[in-house]
Amino acid sequence: MYITFKQSSTGKTRNLKVGFSLSFLLATPFYGIPQFVKGIWKHGLAVAAIGILAVMTMGSPLSSLVGLGLLAAAVFYGINGNKIVAKALLAKGWTLEGNDHAVNQARIRWGIPA
């Protein structure tokens, strides 16, 4: 299920999937690219820092631990990435559009008050 967000000042719209994100899961280990693309910069910087640390520790005993951290970040963003993006959009003044049932389902899944 997809939800449409609308920015009332410009009229721009943006669709966001409710639920698991395969693109976050697969692309997060590449220095947080999906976080930057989706506009959650702080999260992207955190993942990029883990990626840089992974490269810097290559060949050391610490590299396995950092690699697991990068894998954990990918799974975390796969599960929670769209929810984080939705909350960021709402904080920037975007509004939820669409039929009431879909909007209510999204609010429940993302923990957003009505």
PDB file of N, CA and C in Angstrom:
ATOM      1  N   MET A   1       0.836  -1.161   0.000  1.00  0.00           N
ATOM      2  CA  MET A   1       0.000   0.000   0.000  1.00  0.00           C
ATOM      3  C   MET A   1       0.893   1.240   0.000  1.00  0.00           C
ATOM      4  N   TYR A   2       0.546   2.189  -0.813  1.00  0.00           N
ATOM      5  CA  TYR A   2       1.276   3.441  -0.908  1.00  0.00           C
ATOM      6  C   TYR A   2       0.411   4.583  -0.399  1.00  0.00           C
ATOM      7  N   ILE A   3       1.047   5.558   0.213  1.00  0.00           N
ATOM      8  CA  ILE A   3       0.375   6.753   0.718  1.00  0.00           C
ATOM      9  C   ILE A   3       0.972   7.952  -0.003  1.00  0.00           C
ATOM     10  N   THR A   4       0.130   8.909  -0.311  1.00  0.00           N
ATOM     11  CA  THR A   4       0.579  10.128  -0.974  1.00  0.00           C
ATOM     12  C   THR A   4       0.734  11.234   0.058  1.00  0.00           C
ATOM     13  N   PHE A   5       1.858  11.896   0.002  1.00  0.00           N
ATOM     14  CA  PHE A   5       2.112  13.076   0.824  1.00  0.00           C
ATOM     15  C   PHE A   5       2.024  14.292  -0.090  1.00  0.00           C
ATOM     16  N   LYS A   6       1.464  15.373   0.428  1.00  0.00           N
ATOM     17  CA  LYS A   6       1.331  16.587  -0.369  1.00  0.00           C
ATOM     18  C   LYS A   6       1.871  17.772   0.422  1.00  0.00           C
ATOM     19  N   GLN A   7       2.648  18.588  -0.274  1.00  0.00           N
ATOM     20  CA  GLN A   7       3.157  19.821   0.317  1.00  0.00           C
ATOM     21  C   GLN A   7       2.221  20.936  -0.137  1.00  0.00           C
ATOM     22  N   SER A   8       1.467  21.494   0.792  1.00  0.00           N
ATOM     23  CA  SER A   8       0.411  22.433   0.427  1.00  0.00           C
ATOM     24  C   SER A   8       0.952  23.726  -0.178  1.00  0.00           C
ATOM     25  N   SER A   9       2.113  24.175   0.227  1.00  0.00           N
ATOM     26  CA  SER A   9       2.637  25.445  -0.295  1.00  0.00           C
ATOM     27  C   SER A   9       3.056  25.366  -1.755  1.00  0.00           C
ATOM     28  N   THR A  10       3.588  24.222  -2.175  1.00  0.00           N
ATOM     29  CA  THR A  10       4.051  24.092  -3.558  1.00  0.00           C
ATOM     30  C   THR A  10       3.162  23.185  -4.405  1.00  0.00           C
ATOM     31  N   GLY A  11       2.337  22.367  -3.753  1.00  0.00           N
ATOM     32  CA  GLY A  11       1.497  21.427  -4.487  1.00  0.00           C
ATOM     33  C   GLY A  11       2.216  20.157  -4.895  1.00  0.00           C
ATOM     34  N   LYS A  12       3.476  19.999  -4.486  1.00  0.00           N
ATOM     35  CA  LYS A  12       4.232  18.793  -4.818  1.00  0.00           C
ATOM     36  C   LYS A  12       3.648  17.594  -4.075  1.00  0.00           C
ATOM     37  N   THR A  13       3.686  16.447  -4.735  1.00  0.00           N
ATOM     38  CA  THR A  13       3.246  15.218  -4.091  1.00  0.00           C
ATOM     39  C   THR A  13       4.371  14.189  -4.126  1.00  0.00           C
ATOM     40  N   ARG A  14       4.259  13.253  -3.190  1.00  0.00           N
ATOM     41  CA  ARG A  14       5.276  12.211  -3.089  1.00  0.00           C
ATOM     42  C   ARG A  14       4.617  10.941  -2.563  1.00  0.00           C
ATOM     43  N   ASN A  15       4.859   9.823  -3.205  1.00  0.00           N
ATOM     44  CA  ASN A  15       4.312   8.539  -2.768  1.00  0.00           C
ATOM     45  C   ASN A  15       5.323   7.812  -1.901  1.00  0.00           C
ATOM     46  N   LEU A  16       4.806   7.166  -0.865  1.00  0.00           N
ATOM     47  CA  LEU A  16       5.668   6.431   0.044  1.00  0.00           C
ATOM     48  C   LEU A  16       4.976   5.121   0.417  1.00  0.00           C
ATOM     49  N   LYS A  17       5.715   4.054   0.341  1.00  0.00           N
ATOM     50  CA  LYS A  17       5.173   2.733   0.654  1.00  0.00           C
ATOM     51  C   LYS A  17       5.031   2.584   2.165  1.00  0.00           C
ATOM     52  N   VAL A  18       3.946   1.956   2.577  1.00  0.00           N
ATOM     53  CA  VAL A  18       3.748   1.632   3.984  1.00  0.00           C
ATOM     54  C   VAL A  18       4.252   0.210   4.180  1.00  0.00           C
ATOM     55  N   GLY A  19       5.272   0.058   5.001  1.00  0.00           N
ATOM     56  CA  GLY A  19       5.805  -1.276   5.259  1.00  0.00           C
ATOM     57  C   GLY A  19       7.270  -1.401   4.890  1.00  0.00           C
ATOM     58  N   PHE A  20       7.693  -2.634   4.686  1.00  0.00           N
ATOM     59  CA  PHE A  20       9.090  -2.974   4.438  1.00  0.00           C
ATOM     60  C   PHE A  20       9.602  -2.360   3.130  1.00  0.00           C
ATOM     61  N   SER A  21      10.843  -1.890   3.155  1.00  0.00           N
ATOM     62  CA  SER A  21      11.448  -1.289   1.975  1.00  0.00           C
ATOM     63  C   SER A  21      12.666  -2.107   1.530  1.00  0.00           C
ATOM     64  N   LEU A  22      12.527  -2.758   0.401  1.00  0.00           N
ATOM     65  CA  LEU A  22      13.625  -3.548  -0.139  1.00  0.00           C
ATOM     66  C   LEU A  22      14.782  -2.652  -0.589  1.00  0.00           C
ATOM     67  N   SER A  23      14.466  -1.470  -1.090  1.00  0.00           N
ATOM     68  CA  SER A  23      15.539  -0.570  -1.537  1.00  0.00           C
ATOM     69  C   SER A  23      16.391  -0.102  -0.362  1.00  0.00           C
ATOM     70  N   PHE A  24      15.779   0.173   0.778  1.00  0.00           N
ATOM     71  CA  PHE A  24      16.567   0.523   1.964  1.00  0.00           C
ATOM     72  C   PHE A  24      17.444  -0.657   2.377  1.00  0.00           C
ATOM     73  N   LEU A  25      16.874  -1.850   2.388  1.00  0.00           N
ATOM     74  CA  LEU A  25      17.626  -3.035   2.810  1.00  0.00           C
ATOM     75  C   LEU A  25      18.848  -3.262   1.924  1.00  0.00           C
ATOM     76  N   LEU A  26      18.658  -3.200   0.628  1.00  0.00           N
ATOM     77  CA  LEU A  26      19.742  -3.543  -0.291  1.00  0.00           C
ATOM     78  C   LEU A  26      20.765  -2.431  -0.490  1.00  0.00           C
ATOM     79  N   ALA A  27      20.341  -1.180  -0.426  1.00  0.00           N
ATOM     80  CA  ALA A  27      21.246  -0.081  -0.766  1.00  0.00           C
ATOM     81  C   ALA A  27      21.852   0.638   0.435  1.00  0.00           C
ATOM     82  N   THR A  28      21.327   0.429   1.631  1.00  0.00           N
ATOM     83  CA  THR A  28      21.869   1.115   2.812  1.00  0.00           C
ATOM     84  C   THR A  28      23.360   0.861   3.014  1.00  0.00           C
ATOM     85  N   PRO A  29      23.870  -0.364   2.826  1.00  0.00           N
ATOM     86  CA  PRO A  29      25.313  -0.559   3.040  1.00  0.00           C
ATOM     87  C   PRO A  29      26.210   0.264   2.102  1.00  0.00           C
ATOM     88  N   PHE A  30      25.663   0.804   1.035  1.00  0.00           N
ATOM     89  CA  PHE A  30      26.444   1.640   0.132  1.00  0.00           C
ATOM     90  C   PHE A  30      26.420   3.084   0.610  1.00  0.00           C
ATOM     91  N   TYR A  31      27.004   3.302   1.785  1.00  0.00           N
ATOM     92  CA  TYR A  31      27.188   4.624   2.382  1.00  0.00           C
ATOM     93  C   TYR A  31      25.893   5.395   2.586  1.00  0.00           C
ATOM     94  N   GLY A  32      24.795   4.717   2.829  1.00  0.00           N
ATOM     95  CA  GLY A  32      23.546   5.378   3.157  1.00  0.00           C
ATOM     96  C   GLY A  32      22.889   6.129   2.019  1.00  0.00           C
ATOM     97  N   ILE A  33      23.125   5.696   0.794  1.00  0.00           N
ATOM     98  CA  ILE A  33      22.574   6.403  -0.369  1.00  0.00           C
ATOM     99  C   ILE A  33      21.057   6.562  -0.295  1.00  0.00           C
ATOM    100  N   PRO A  34      20.278   5.528   0.059  1.00  0.00           N
ATOM    101  CA  PRO A  34      18.820   5.744   0.079  1.00  0.00           C
ATOM    102  C   PRO A  34      18.383   6.764   1.132  1.00  0.00           C
ATOM    103  N   GLN A  35      19.121   6.867   2.215  1.00  0.00           N
ATOM    104  CA  GLN A  35      18.773   7.858   3.228  1.00  0.00           C
ATOM    105  C   GLN A  35      18.947   9.273   2.672  1.00  0.00           C
ATOM    106  N   PHE A  36      20.022   9.499   1.938  1.00  0.00           N
ATOM    107  CA  PHE A  36      20.226  10.812   1.335  1.00  0.00           C
ATOM    108  C   PHE A  36      19.175  11.101   0.272  1.00  0.00           C
ATOM    109  N   VAL A  37      18.850  10.107  -0.547  1.00  0.00           N
ATOM    110  CA  VAL A  37      17.860  10.281  -1.616  1.00  0.00           C
ATOM    111  C   VAL A  37      16.483  10.585  -1.036  1.00  0.00           C
ATOM    112  N   LYS A  38      16.119   9.920   0.048  1.00  0.00           N
ATOM    113  CA  LYS A  38      14.795  10.106   0.658  1.00  0.00           C
ATOM    114  C   LYS A  38      14.725  11.340   1.558  1.00  0.00           C
ATOM    115  N   GLY A  39      15.853  12.009   1.795  1.00  0.00           N
ATOM    116  CA  GLY A  39      15.837  13.260   2.543  1.00  0.00           C
ATOM    117  C   GLY A  39      16.035  13.138   4.039  1.00  0.00           C
ATOM    118  N   ILE A  40      16.509  11.995   4.513  1.00  0.00           N
ATOM    119  CA  ILE A  40      16.801  11.875   5.941  1.00  0.00           C
ATOM    120  C   ILE A  40      18.327  11.914   6.107  1.00  0.00           C
ATOM    121  N   TRP A  41      18.849  13.110   6.009  1.00  0.00           N
ATOM    122  CA  TRP A  41      20.293  13.363   5.928  1.00  0.00           C
ATOM    123  C   TRP A  41      21.060  12.884   7.149  1.00  0.00           C
ATOM    124  N   LYS A  42      20.528  13.124   8.337  1.00  0.00           N
ATOM    125  CA  LYS A  42      21.252  12.714   9.545  1.00  0.00           C
ATOM    126  C   LYS A  42      21.438  11.201   9.588  1.00  0.00           C
ATOM    127  N   HIS A  43      20.423  10.487   9.177  1.00  0.00           N
ATOM    128  CA  HIS A  43      20.518   9.026   9.134  1.00  0.00           C
ATOM    129  C   HIS A  43      21.536   8.599   8.068  1.00  0.00           C
ATOM    130  N   GLY A  44      21.527   9.292   6.952  1.00  0.00           N
ATOM    131  CA  GLY A  44      22.488   8.997   5.889  1.00  0.00           C
ATOM    132  C   GLY A  44      23.921   9.227   6.340  1.00  0.00           C
ATOM    133  N   LEU A  45      24.132  10.314   7.082  1.00  0.00           N
ATOM    134  CA  LEU A  45      25.480  10.596   7.584  1.00  0.00           C
ATOM    135  C   LEU A  45      25.939   9.529   8.574  1.00  0.00           C
ATOM    136  N   ALA A  46      25.023   9.055   9.417  1.00  0.00           N
ATOM    137  CA  ALA A  46      25.382   8.007  10.383  1.00  0.00           C
ATOM    138  C   ALA A  46      25.775   6.718   9.664  1.00  0.00           C
ATOM    139  N   VAL A  47      25.002   6.331   8.652  1.00  0.00           N
ATOM    140  CA  VAL A  47      25.322   5.109   7.909  1.00  0.00           C
ATOM    141  C   VAL A  47      26.606   5.294   7.106  1.00  0.00           C
ATOM    142  N   ALA A  48      26.802   6.473   6.533  1.00  0.00           N
ATOM    143  CA  ALA A  48      28.030   6.745   5.783  1.00  0.00           C
ATOM    144  C   ALA A  48      29.251   6.645   6.706  1.00  0.00           C
ATOM    145  N   ALA A  49      29.105   7.121   7.938  1.00  0.00           N
ATOM    146  CA  ALA A  49      30.210   7.028   8.902  1.00  0.00           C
ATOM    147  C   ALA A  49      30.536   5.565   9.209  1.00  0.00           C
ATOM    148  N   ILE A  50      29.511   4.736   9.348  1.00  0.00           N
ATOM    149  CA  ILE A  50      29.743   3.305   9.580  1.00  0.00           C
ATOM    150  C   ILE A  50      30.420   2.681   8.362  1.00  0.00           C
ATOM    151  N   GLY A  51      30.010   3.091   7.163  1.00  0.00           N
ATOM    152  CA  GLY A  51      30.626   2.575   5.941  1.00  0.00           C
ATOM    153  C   GLY A  51      32.087   2.969   5.826  1.00  0.00           C
ATOM    154  N   ILE A  52      32.387   4.212   6.168  1.00  0.00           N
ATOM    155  CA  ILE A  52      33.779   4.670   6.132  1.00  0.00           C
ATOM    156  C   ILE A  52      34.605   3.924   7.177  1.00  0.00           C
ATOM    157  N   LEU A  53      34.013   3.718   8.349  1.00  0.00           N
ATOM    158  CA  LEU A  53      34.701   2.960   9.389  1.00  0.00           C
ATOM    159  C   LEU A  53      34.967   1.528   8.931  1.00  0.00           C
ATOM    160  N   ALA A  54      34.017   0.969   8.191  1.00  0.00           N
ATOM    161  CA  ALA A  54      34.209  -0.393   7.673  1.00  0.00           C
ATOM    162  C   ALA A  54      35.404  -0.452   6.725  1.00  0.00           C
ATOM    163  N   VAL A  55      35.543   0.549   5.892  1.00  0.00           N
ATOM    164  CA  VAL A  55      36.678   0.584   4.960  1.00  0.00           C
ATOM    165  C   VAL A  55      37.984   0.798   5.722  1.00  0.00           C
ATOM    166  N   MET A  56      37.955   1.656   6.724  1.00  0.00           N
ATOM    167  CA  MET A  56      39.174   1.956   7.484  1.00  0.00           C
ATOM    168  C   MET A  56      39.656   0.760   8.322  1.00  0.00           C
ATOM    169  N   THR A  57      38.734  -0.092   8.753  1.00  0.00           N
ATOM    170  CA  THR A  57      39.124  -1.228   9.599  1.00  0.00           C
ATOM    171  C   THR A  57      39.319  -2.516   8.804  1.00  0.00           C
ATOM    172  N   MET A  58      39.284  -2.419   7.488  1.00  0.00           N
ATOM    173  CA  MET A  58      39.433  -3.615   6.663  1.00  0.00           C
ATOM    174  C   MET A  58      40.740  -4.342   7.002  1.00  0.00           C
ATOM    175  N   GLY A  59      40.631  -5.626   7.237  1.00  0.00           N
ATOM    176  CA  GLY A  59      41.812  -6.430   7.550  1.00  0.00           C
ATOM    177  C   GLY A  59      42.105  -6.542   9.029  1.00  0.00           C
ATOM    178  N   SER A  60      41.429  -5.767   9.854  1.00  0.00           N
ATOM    179  CA  SER A  60      41.653  -5.850  11.296  1.00  0.00           C
ATOM    180  C   SER A  60      40.552  -6.696  11.933  1.00  0.00           C
ATOM    181  N   PRO A  61      40.761  -7.126  13.154  1.00  0.00           N
ATOM    182  CA  PRO A  61      39.725  -7.925  13.831  1.00  0.00           C
ATOM    183  C   PRO A  61      38.417  -7.147  14.042  1.00  0.00           C
ATOM    184  N   LEU A  62      38.496  -5.853  14.055  1.00  0.00           N
ATOM    185  CA  LEU A  62      37.316  -5.009  14.257  1.00  0.00           C
ATOM    186  C   LEU A  62      36.417  -4.955  13.030  1.00  0.00           C
ATOM    187  N   SER A  63      36.940  -5.331  11.876  1.00  0.00           N
ATOM    188  CA  SER A  63      36.175  -5.207  10.631  1.00  0.00           C
ATOM    189  C   SER A  63      34.905  -6.061  10.629  1.00  0.00           C
ATOM    190  N   SER A  64      34.948  -7.231  11.243  1.00  0.00           N
ATOM    191  CA  SER A  64      33.753  -8.084  11.307  1.00  0.00           C
ATOM    192  C   SER A  64      32.648  -7.423  12.122  1.00  0.00           C
ATOM    193  N   LEU A  65      33.027  -6.805  13.219  1.00  0.00           N
ATOM    194  CA  LEU A  65      32.049  -6.126  14.062  1.00  0.00           C
ATOM    195  C   LEU A  65      31.418  -4.944  13.335  1.00  0.00           C
ATOM    196  N   VAL A  66      32.230  -4.175  12.645  1.00  0.00           N
ATOM    197  CA  VAL A  66      31.719  -3.030  11.891  1.00  0.00           C
ATOM    198  C   VAL A  66      30.838  -3.513  10.739  1.00  0.00           C
ATOM    199  N   GLY A  67      31.229  -4.592  10.101  1.00  0.00           N
ATOM    200  CA  GLY A  67      30.407  -5.169   9.037  1.00  0.00           C
ATOM    201  C   GLY A  67      29.051  -5.615   9.546  1.00  0.00           C
ATOM    202  N   LEU A  68      29.020  -6.206  10.739  1.00  0.00           N
ATOM    203  CA  LEU A  68      27.746  -6.587  11.344  1.00  0.00           C
ATOM    204  C   LEU A  68      26.905  -5.358  11.664  1.00  0.00           C
ATOM    205  N   GLY A  69      27.567  -4.284  12.073  1.00  0.00           N
ATOM    206  CA  GLY A  69      26.850  -3.030  12.328  1.00  0.00           C
ATOM    207  C   GLY A  69      26.218  -2.483  11.059  1.00  0.00           C
ATOM    208  N   LEU A  70      26.920  -2.582   9.956  1.00  0.00           N
ATOM    209  CA  LEU A  70      26.389  -2.131   8.666  1.00  0.00           C
ATOM    210  C   LEU A  70      25.218  -3.011   8.230  1.00  0.00           C
ATOM    211  N   LEU A  71      25.336  -4.304   8.450  1.00  0.00           N
ATOM    212  CA  LEU A  71      24.240  -5.219   8.135  1.00  0.00           C
ATOM    213  C   LEU A  71      23.023  -4.932   9.024  1.00  0.00           C
ATOM    214  N   ALA A  72      23.260  -4.676  10.291  1.00  0.00           N
ATOM    215  CA  ALA A  72      22.160  -4.347  11.214  1.00  0.00           C
ATOM    216  C   ALA A  72      21.473  -3.048  10.796  1.00  0.00           C
ATOM    217  N   ALA A  73      22.254  -2.076  10.346  1.00  0.00           N
ATOM    218  CA  ALA A  73      21.667  -0.820   9.870  1.00  0.00           C
ATOM    219  C   ALA A  73      20.794  -1.057   8.647  1.00  0.00           C
ATOM    220  N   ALA A  74      21.241  -1.928   7.751  1.00  0.00           N
ATOM    221  CA  ALA A  74      20.454  -2.229   6.551  1.00  0.00           C
ATOM    222  C   ALA A  74      19.121  -2.873   6.916  1.00  0.00           C
ATOM    223  N   VAL A  75      19.138  -3.811   7.842  1.00  0.00           N
ATOM    224  CA  VAL A  75      17.895  -4.459   8.267  1.00  0.00           C
ATOM    225  C   VAL A  75      16.995  -3.460   8.989  1.00  0.00           C
ATOM    226  N   PHE A  76      17.579  -2.634   9.848  1.00  0.00           N
ATOM    227  CA  PHE A  76      16.804  -1.621  10.574  1.00  0.00           C
ATOM    228  C   PHE A  76      16.095  -0.680   9.608  1.00  0.00           C
ATOM    229  N   TYR A  77      16.816  -0.174   8.612  1.00  0.00           N
ATOM    230  CA  TYR A  77      16.204   0.754   7.659  1.00  0.00           C
ATOM    231  C   TYR A  77      15.248   0.049   6.700  1.00  0.00           C
ATOM    232  N   GLY A  78      15.477  -1.206   6.435  1.00  0.00           N
ATOM    233  CA  GLY A  78      14.519  -1.948   5.636  1.00  0.00           C
ATOM    234  C   GLY A  78      13.170  -2.026   6.331  1.00  0.00           C
ATOM    235  N   ILE A  79      13.196  -2.219   7.636  1.00  0.00           N
ATOM    236  CA  ILE A  79      11.964  -2.327   8.415  1.00  0.00           C
ATOM    237  C   ILE A  79      11.381  -0.950   8.747  1.00  0.00           C
ATOM    238  N   ASN A  80      12.216  -0.006   9.145  1.00  0.00           N
ATOM    239  CA  ASN A  80      11.733   1.279   9.666  1.00  0.00           C
ATOM    240  C   ASN A  80      11.976   2.490   8.771  1.00  0.00           C
ATOM    241  N   GLY A  81      12.632   2.316   7.641  1.00  0.00           N
ATOM    242  CA  GLY A  81      13.019   3.458   6.814  1.00  0.00           C
ATOM    243  C   GLY A  81      11.852   4.303   6.333  1.00  0.00           C
ATOM    244  N   ASN A  82      10.801   3.676   5.828  1.00  0.00           N
ATOM    245  CA  ASN A  82       9.663   4.447   5.331  1.00  0.00           C
ATOM    246  C   ASN A  82       8.948   5.181   6.455  1.00  0.00           C
ATOM    247  N   LYS A  83       8.896   4.589   7.617  1.00  0.00           N
ATOM    248  CA  LYS A  83       8.292   5.248   8.781  1.00  0.00           C
ATOM    249  C   LYS A  83       9.092   6.498   9.161  1.00  0.00           C
ATOM    250  N   ILE A  84      10.402   6.401   9.133  1.00  0.00           N
ATOM    251  CA  ILE A  84      11.256   7.548   9.456  1.00  0.00           C
ATOM    252  C   ILE A  84      11.062   8.653   8.424  1.00  0.00           C
ATOM    253  N   VAL A  85      10.995   8.285   7.149  1.00  0.00           N
ATOM    254  CA  VAL A  85      10.768   9.264   6.081  1.00  0.00           C
ATOM    255  C   VAL A  85       9.408   9.927   6.252  1.00  0.00           C
ATOM    256  N   ALA A  86       8.378   9.137   6.569  1.00  0.00           N
ATOM    257  CA  ALA A  86       7.027   9.682   6.755  1.00  0.00           C
ATOM    258  C   ALA A  86       7.006  10.700   7.878  1.00  0.00           C
ATOM    259  N   LYS A  87       7.625  10.384   8.987  1.00  0.00           N
ATOM    260  CA  LYS A  87       7.652  11.318  10.117  1.00  0.00           C
ATOM    261  C   LYS A  87       8.437  12.577   9.782  1.00  0.00           C
ATOM    262  N   ALA A  88       9.501  12.428   9.009  1.00  0.00           N
ATOM    263  CA  ALA A  88      10.283  13.601   8.596  1.00  0.00           C
ATOM    264  C   ALA A  88       9.469  14.497   7.667  1.00  0.00           C
ATOM    265  N   LEU A  89       8.723  13.892   6.743  1.00  0.00           N
ATOM    266  CA  LEU A  89       7.886  14.688   5.840  1.00  0.00           C
ATOM    267  C   LEU A  89       6.797  15.421   6.607  1.00  0.00           C
ATOM    268  N   LEU A  90       6.157  14.745   7.545  1.00  0.00           N
ATOM    269  CA  LEU A  90       5.114  15.391   8.343  1.00  0.00           C
ATOM    270  C   LEU A  90       5.687  16.531   9.182  1.00  0.00           C
ATOM    271  N   ALA A  91       6.901  16.354   9.686  1.00  0.00           N
ATOM    272  CA  ALA A  91       7.546  17.415  10.464  1.00  0.00           C
ATOM    273  C   ALA A  91       7.863  18.638   9.602  1.00  0.00           C
ATOM    274  N   LYS A  92       8.043  18.423   8.304  1.00  0.00           N
ATOM    275  CA  LYS A  92       8.336  19.525   7.382  1.00  0.00           C
ATOM    276  C   LYS A  92       7.071  20.173   6.826  1.00  0.00           C
ATOM    277  N   GLY A  93       5.888  19.717   7.293  1.00  0.00           N
ATOM    278  CA  GLY A  93       4.645  20.336   6.878  1.00  0.00           C
ATOM    279  C   GLY A  93       3.892  19.640   5.766  1.00  0.00           C
ATOM    280  N   TRP A  94       4.343  18.485   5.332  1.00  0.00           N
ATOM    281  CA  TRP A  94       3.619  17.719   4.323  1.00  0.00           C
ATOM    282  C   TRP A  94       2.385  17.112   4.985  1.00  0.00           C
ATOM    283  N   THR A  95       1.360  16.837   4.209  1.00  0.00           N
ATOM    284  CA  THR A  95       0.144  16.238   4.737  1.00  0.00           C
ATOM    285  C   THR A  95      -0.139  14.924   4.018  1.00  0.00           C
ATOM    286  N   LEU A  96      -0.869  14.046   4.698  1.00  0.00           N
ATOM    287  CA  LEU A  96      -1.260  12.764   4.115  1.00  0.00           C
ATOM    288  C   LEU A  96      -2.488  12.968   3.241  1.00  0.00           C
ATOM    289  N   GLU A  97      -2.467  12.378   2.068  1.00  0.00           N
ATOM    290  CA  GLU A  97      -3.588  12.467   1.120  1.00  0.00           C
ATOM    291  C   GLU A  97      -4.084  11.065   0.816  1.00  0.00           C
ATOM    292  N   GLY A  98      -5.291  10.959   0.329  1.00  0.00           N
ATOM    293  CA  GLY A  98      -5.815   9.667  -0.093  1.00  0.00           C
ATOM    294  C   GLY A  98      -7.069   9.302   0.660  1.00  0.00           C
ATOM    295  N   ASN A  99      -7.531   8.064   0.449  1.00  0.00           N
ATOM    296  CA  ASN A  99      -8.763   7.645   1.122  1.00  0.00           C
ATOM    297  C   ASN A  99      -8.518   7.457   2.616  1.00  0.00           C
ATOM    298  N   ASP A 100      -9.569   7.627   3.378  1.00  0.00           N
ATOM    299  CA  ASP A 100      -9.462   7.610   4.840  1.00  0.00           C
ATOM    300  C   ASP A 100      -8.923   6.293   5.382  1.00  0.00           C
ATOM    301  N   HIS A 101      -9.331   5.191   4.774  1.00  0.00           N
ATOM    302  CA  HIS A 101      -8.881   3.883   5.261  1.00  0.00           C
ATOM    303  C   HIS A 101      -7.363   3.745   5.125  1.00  0.00           C
ATOM    304  N   ALA A 102      -6.826   4.090   3.978  1.00  0.00           N
ATOM    305  CA  ALA A 102      -5.381   3.976   3.756  1.00  0.00           C
ATOM    306  C   ALA A 102      -4.608   4.919   4.678  1.00  0.00           C
ATOM    307  N   VAL A 103      -5.101   6.132   4.829  1.00  0.00           N
ATOM    308  CA  VAL A 103      -4.429   7.097   5.709  1.00  0.00           C
ATOM    309  C   VAL A 103      -4.450   6.605   7.153  1.00  0.00           C
ATOM    310  N   ASN A 104      -5.586   6.078   7.607  1.00  0.00           N
ATOM    311  CA  ASN A 104      -5.675   5.561   8.973  1.00  0.00           C
ATOM    312  C   ASN A 104      -4.761   4.353   9.178  1.00  0.00           C
ATOM    313  N   GLN A 105      -4.682   3.481   8.199  1.00  0.00           N
ATOM    314  CA  GLN A 105      -3.783   2.322   8.285  1.00  0.00           C
ATOM    315  C   GLN A 105      -2.328   2.783   8.380  1.00  0.00           C
ATOM    316  N   ALA A 106      -1.973   3.775   7.584  1.00  0.00           N
ATOM    317  CA  ALA A 106      -0.604   4.295   7.625  1.00  0.00           C
ATOM    318  C   ALA A 106      -0.308   4.919   8.983  1.00  0.00           C
ATOM    319  N   ARG A 107      -1.237   5.688   9.493  1.00  0.00           N
ATOM    320  CA  ARG A 107      -1.046   6.315  10.813  1.00  0.00           C
ATOM    321  C   ARG A 107      -0.846   5.254  11.897  1.00  0.00           C
ATOM    322  N   ILE A 108      -1.629   4.192  11.839  1.00  0.00           N
ATOM    323  CA  ILE A 108      -1.505   3.116  12.834  1.00  0.00           C
ATOM    324  C   ILE A 108      -0.155   2.418  12.711  1.00  0.00           C
ATOM    325  N   ARG A 109       0.251   2.056  11.502  1.00  0.00           N
ATOM    326  CA  ARG A 109       1.511   1.328  11.297  1.00  0.00           C
ATOM    327  C   ARG A 109       2.723   2.173  11.650  1.00  0.00           C
ATOM    328  N   TRP A 110       2.636   3.496  11.386  1.00  0.00           N
ATOM    329  CA  TRP A 110       3.764   4.376  11.646  1.00  0.00           C
ATOM    330  C   TRP A 110       3.719   5.018  13.018  1.00  0.00           C
ATOM    331  N   GLY A 111       2.621   4.818  13.770  1.00  0.00           N
ATOM    332  CA  GLY A 111       2.505   5.409  15.098  1.00  0.00           C
ATOM    333  C   GLY A 111       2.360   6.922  15.059  1.00  0.00           C
ATOM    334  N   ILE A 112       1.608   7.412  14.093  1.00  0.00           N
ATOM    335  CA  ILE A 112       1.417   8.852  13.935  1.00  0.00           C
ATOM    336  C   ILE A 112       0.018   9.198  14.444  1.00  0.00           C
ATOM    337  N   PRO A 113      -0.087  10.164  15.370  1.00  0.00           N
ATOM    338  CA  PRO A 113      -1.421  10.537  15.868  1.00  0.00           C
ATOM    339  C   PRO A 113      -2.262  11.201  14.785  1.00  0.00           C
ATOM    340  N   ALA A 114      -3.571  11.069  14.923  1.00  0.00           N
ATOM    341  CA  ALA A 114      -4.503  11.626  13.924  1.00  0.00           C
ATOM    342  C   ALA A 114      -4.595  13.132  13.985  1.00  0.00           C
TER     343      ALA A 114
END
